[in-house]
Amino acid sequence: MILLFIKLILAHLIGDFVLQPQKWVKDKNKNKHLSKYLYWHLAVHALLLLIVLSFKFDYWLAFLIIIPSHFLIDLAKLHLQNKKNKRWLFLLDQLAHLIVIAGVVEIYEPYLSHYHKLDATMSLLFLACVIAVTSMSSIVMKTIISRWNIENYKNDEDSLENAGTIIGVLERLFVFLFVIMNFWEGIGFLLAAKSIFRFGDLSRAKDRKLTEYVLIGTLISFGLAILIGLLYNYMLGII
């Protein structure tokens, strides 16, 4: 049961957060159901499902449930989405996908008849968590903090290209590893080190809004990594 659930989650994470360029997202938001990238996105999910399910015909019902439901959920989000509800619809969209996946797992392997395939399960669980900590968390953070526009307060003249994104991904990976290793002191050290390095930038900026923006982003980043790390440890305890 756990193995099938993680396979389906892994396919979803890769399809939604790794193999979906921003170009596709923008085109879908603009053209809705007329966007060709909406159907390319579904094709990617279909291919990923076939791969993780090893092209087994036994899972034809899972395929027929997940792909059409994914299309309907994405289509509803595209038509209902606006600037005010964008963040909430993003979260509801992901929750709906998870509910569908959980329902499919229940059809094939009822949760009460849970069995173990430890090695494969642990590997897939770890991979799914790494993707969640990196690609998914980056998009979640952008969605949450998009309500604040700080373009007028940022100074990117001396900044490396994509440095902020890379730093965020690396810090979440470190925090995730610290949590699963039960090395909580490392998180405190990492947070202190980041605070020291950012102190100069924030003091030069002399702007409270930028300071608050950085603090919110840091707390969200660390919080997501800790949450995923705790979830990983919890899942290990039940498989």
Protein backbone atom coordinates (compact mmCIF):
# COMPACT_ATOMS: atom_id res chain seq x y z
CA MET A 1 0.00 0.00 0.00
CA ILE A 2 2.71 2.48 1.00
CA LEU A 3 4.81 1.57 -2.03
CA LEU A 4 1.96 2.23 -4.48
CA PHE A 5 1.08 5.49 -2.72
CA ILE A 6 4.68 6.73 -2.92
CA LYS A 7 4.95 5.75 -6.59
CA LEU A 8 1.86 7.77 -7.46
CA ILE A 9 2.99 10.72 -5.33
CA LEU A 10 6.42 10.61 -6.98
CA ALA A 11 4.86 10.70 -10.45
CA HIS A 12 2.68 13.64 -9.39
CA LEU A 13 5.59 15.62 -7.91
CA ILE A 14 7.78 15.12 -10.97
CA GLY A 15 4.95 15.97 -13.37
CA ASP A 16 3.72 19.06 -11.51
CA PHE A 17 6.96 20.54 -10.16
CA VAL A 18 9.94 19.20 -12.13
CA LEU A 19 8.71 18.67 -15.70
CA GLN A 20 6.40 21.67 -15.94
CA PRO A 21 8.31 24.79 -17.11
CA GLN A 22 7.10 28.25 -16.19
CA LYS A 23 6.41 28.83 -19.88
CA TRP A 24 3.73 26.14 -19.71
CA VAL A 25 2.23 27.56 -16.53
CA LYS A 26 1.99 31.09 -17.97
CA ASP A 27 0.44 29.87 -21.20
CA LYS A 28 -2.13 27.76 -19.30
CA ASN A 29 -3.07 30.71 -17.10
CA LYS A 30 -3.54 32.87 -20.18
CA ASN A 31 -5.30 30.48 -22.58
CA LYS A 32 -6.98 28.13 -20.10
CA HIS A 33 -8.39 25.02 -21.87
CA LEU A 34 -7.15 26.33 -25.24
CA SER A 35 -3.52 26.07 -24.14
CA LYS A 36 -1.67 23.24 -25.83
CA TYR A 37 0.60 23.01 -22.78
CA LEU A 38 -2.32 21.87 -20.63
CA TYR A 39 -2.53 18.73 -22.76
CA TRP A 40 1.24 18.33 -22.90
CA HIS A 41 1.18 18.50 -19.11
CA LEU A 42 -1.40 15.70 -19.02
CA ALA A 43 0.68 13.67 -21.46
CA VAL A 44 3.71 14.02 -19.17
CA HIS A 45 1.64 12.81 -16.21
CA ALA A 46 0.31 9.90 -18.25
CA LEU A 47 3.82 8.84 -19.25
CA LEU A 48 5.09 9.15 -15.68
CA LEU A 49 2.19 7.01 -14.43
CA LEU A 50 2.99 4.33 -16.98
CA ILE A 51 6.64 4.37 -15.90
CA VAL A 52 6.10 4.20 -12.13
CA LEU A 53 3.44 1.51 -12.59
CA SER A 54 5.81 -0.48 -14.80
CA PHE A 55 3.37 -0.43 -17.77
CA LYS A 56 1.20 -3.03 -16.02
CA PHE A 57 -2.31 -3.37 -17.46
CA ASP A 58 -3.59 -4.23 -13.98
CA TYR A 59 -3.50 -0.51 -13.15
CA TRP A 60 -5.71 0.60 -16.04
CA LEU A 61 -8.35 1.87 -13.60
CA ALA A 62 -5.78 4.02 -11.78
CA PHE A 63 -4.80 5.54 -15.12
CA LEU A 64 -8.43 6.23 -16.07
CA ILE A 65 -9.11 7.88 -12.70
CA ILE A 66 -5.95 9.96 -12.20
CA ILE A 67 -5.49 11.48 -15.67
CA PRO A 68 -9.10 12.68 -16.28
CA SER A 69 -9.40 13.91 -12.68
CA HIS A 70 -6.09 15.75 -13.03
CA PHE A 71 -7.44 17.45 -16.16
CA LEU A 72 -10.70 18.48 -14.47
CA ILE A 73 -8.95 19.74 -11.32
CA ASP A 74 -6.42 21.79 -13.31
CA LEU A 75 -9.16 23.11 -15.59
CA ALA A 76 -11.28 24.22 -12.63
CA LYS A 77 -8.30 25.99 -11.08
CA LEU A 78 -7.45 27.78 -14.33
CA HIS A 79 -10.99 29.12 -14.76
CA LEU A 80 -11.54 30.07 -11.11
CA GLN A 81 -8.09 31.54 -10.47
CA ASN A 82 -7.53 35.25 -9.93
CA LYS A 83 -5.01 37.38 -8.02
CA LYS A 84 -6.98 37.17 -4.78
CA ASN A 85 -7.54 33.42 -4.61
CA LYS A 86 -4.42 32.22 -6.46
CA ARG A 87 -2.62 30.96 -3.33
CA TRP A 88 -5.67 29.18 -1.91
CA LEU A 89 -6.54 27.55 -5.23
CA PHE A 90 -2.97 26.30 -5.56
CA LEU A 91 -3.22 24.58 -2.18
CA LEU A 92 -6.72 23.22 -2.90
CA ASP A 93 -5.54 21.99 -6.30
CA GLN A 94 -2.71 19.98 -4.73
CA LEU A 95 -4.98 18.68 -1.97
CA ALA A 96 -7.49 17.47 -4.55
CA HIS A 97 -4.78 15.59 -6.45
CA LEU A 98 -3.61 13.94 -3.21
CA ILE A 99 -7.17 12.88 -2.35
CA VAL A 100 -7.57 11.28 -5.78
CA ILE A 101 -4.25 9.42 -5.38
CA ALA A 102 -5.24 8.23 -1.90
CA GLY A 103 -8.56 6.98 -3.32
CA VAL A 104 -6.81 5.06 -6.10
CA VAL A 105 -4.49 3.40 -3.58
CA GLU A 106 -7.50 2.37 -1.49
CA ILE A 107 -9.06 0.71 -4.56
CA TYR A 108 -6.02 -1.44 -5.28
CA GLU A 109 -4.59 -1.98 -1.83
CA PRO A 110 -6.97 -1.18 1.04
CA TYR A 111 -5.13 0.56 3.85
CA LEU A 112 -6.09 -2.13 6.36
CA SER A 113 -4.27 -4.78 4.31
CA HIS A 114 -1.02 -2.85 4.48
CA TYR A 115 2.14 -4.82 3.56
CA HIS A 116 5.86 -4.06 3.43
CA LYS A 117 8.42 -3.76 0.68
CA LEU A 118 10.94 -1.90 2.76
CA ASP A 119 13.93 -1.27 0.51
CA ALA A 120 12.04 -0.01 -2.53
CA THR A 121 9.63 1.94 -0.35
CA MET A 122 12.38 3.75 1.55
CA SER A 123 14.20 4.70 -1.66
CA LEU A 124 11.07 6.06 -3.34
CA LEU A 125 10.02 7.85 -0.15
CA PHE A 126 13.40 9.56 0.10
CA LEU A 127 13.30 10.59 -3.57
CA ALA A 128 9.77 11.97 -3.22
CA CYS A 129 10.79 13.99 -0.14
CA VAL A 130 13.87 15.40 -1.89
CA ILE A 131 11.69 16.60 -4.79
CA ALA A 132 9.20 18.05 -2.32
CA VAL A 133 11.98 19.90 -0.47
CA THR A 134 13.53 21.30 -3.66
CA SER A 135 11.22 21.87 -6.63
CA MET A 136 7.85 21.75 -4.89
CA SER A 137 8.89 23.93 -1.93
CA SER A 138 10.33 26.58 -4.27
CA ILE A 139 6.99 26.91 -6.05
CA VAL A 140 5.02 26.81 -2.78
CA MET A 141 7.19 29.64 -1.40
CA LYS A 142 6.79 31.75 -4.54
CA THR A 143 3.03 31.23 -4.38
CA ILE A 144 2.81 32.22 -0.71
CA ILE A 145 5.03 35.32 -0.81
CA SER A 146 3.79 36.55 -4.19
CA ARG A 147 1.33 38.79 -2.33
CA TRP A 148 4.24 41.10 -1.43
CA ASN A 149 5.89 43.04 -4.22
CA ILE A 150 9.39 44.08 -3.20
CA GLU A 151 10.85 44.81 -6.63
CA ASN A 152 11.39 48.43 -5.64
CA TYR A 153 13.39 47.37 -2.59
CA LYS A 154 15.64 44.79 -4.19
CA ASN A 155 19.07 45.57 -5.53
CA ASP A 156 20.19 42.87 -7.94
CA GLU A 157 23.10 44.73 -9.51
CA ASP A 158 25.73 42.67 -7.70
CA SER A 159 23.69 39.49 -7.35
CA LEU A 160 24.54 36.22 -9.10
CA GLU A 161 21.91 34.87 -11.49
CA ASN A 162 19.43 32.58 -9.72
CA ALA A 163 21.56 32.75 -6.56
CA GLY A 164 18.55 33.16 -4.28
CA THR A 165 16.82 30.09 -5.70
CA ILE A 166 19.95 27.94 -5.43
CA ILE A 167 20.61 29.08 -1.86
CA GLY A 168 17.02 28.30 -0.90
CA VAL A 169 17.16 24.80 -2.39
CA LEU A 170 20.47 24.03 -0.68
CA GLU A 171 19.33 25.32 2.72
CA ARG A 172 16.15 23.22 2.57
CA LEU A 173 18.15 20.13 1.61
CA PHE A 174 20.49 20.70 4.57
CA VAL A 175 17.57 21.22 6.95
CA PHE A 176 15.83 18.09 5.62
CA LEU A 177 18.98 16.01 6.12
CA PHE A 178 19.49 17.45 9.61
CA VAL A 179 15.93 16.48 10.57
CA ILE A 180 16.11 12.90 9.29
CA MET A 181 19.51 12.52 11.00
CA ASN A 182 18.00 13.95 14.21
CA PHE A 183 20.74 16.60 14.19
CA TRP A 184 18.60 19.54 15.27
CA GLU A 185 21.64 21.56 16.36
CA GLY A 186 22.64 21.80 12.70
CA ILE A 187 19.43 23.68 11.89
CA GLY A 188 20.23 26.28 14.54
CA PHE A 189 23.76 26.64 13.19
CA LEU A 190 22.49 27.04 9.61
CA LEU A 191 19.91 29.64 10.66
CA ALA A 192 22.54 31.60 12.62
CA ALA A 193 25.00 31.47 9.72
CA LYS A 194 22.40 32.73 7.26
CA SER A 195 21.41 35.54 9.63
CA ILE A 196 25.03 36.69 9.87
CA PHE A 197 25.53 36.68 6.10
CA ARG A 198 22.27 38.56 5.47
CA PHE A 199 22.81 41.11 8.23
CA GLY A 200 25.01 43.33 6.06
CA ASP A 201 22.53 43.41 3.17
CA LEU A 202 19.60 44.19 5.43
CA SER A 203 21.43 46.89 7.38
CA ARG A 204 22.54 48.56 4.15
CA ALA A 205 19.04 48.39 2.76
CA LYS A 206 17.71 50.14 5.87
CA ASP A 207 14.26 49.03 4.94
CA ARG A 208 11.91 47.27 7.29
CA LYS A 209 9.82 45.78 4.50
CA LEU A 210 12.79 44.02 2.94
CA THR A 211 13.89 42.70 6.35
CA GLU A 212 10.41 41.32 7.04
CA TYR A 213 10.25 39.80 3.54
CA VAL A 214 13.56 37.97 4.02
CA LEU A 215 12.52 36.79 7.48
CA ILE A 216 9.18 35.45 6.22
CA GLY A 217 10.91 33.67 3.33
CA THR A 218 13.49 32.12 5.65
CA LEU A 219 10.90 30.88 8.12
CA ILE A 220 8.73 29.42 5.36
CA SER A 221 11.76 27.73 3.78
CA PHE A 222 12.96 26.22 7.05
CA GLY A 223 9.41 25.32 8.08
CA LEU A 224 8.70 23.41 4.88
CA ALA A 225 11.99 21.50 5.11
CA ILE A 226 11.38 20.60 8.77
CA LEU A 227 7.80 19.52 8.02
CA ILE A 228 8.89 17.28 5.13
CA GLY A 229 11.71 15.85 7.26
CA LEU A 230 9.30 15.02 10.09
CA LEU A 231 6.88 13.49 7.58
CA TYR A 232 9.71 11.35 6.20
CA ASN A 233 10.61 10.10 9.68
CA TYR A 234 6.95 9.39 10.41
CA MET A 235 6.52 7.42 7.19
CA LEU A 236 9.64 5.40 7.98
CA GLY A 237 8.07 4.49 11.30
CA ILE A 238 5.03 2.89 9.67
CA ILE A 239 6.66 1.04 6.76
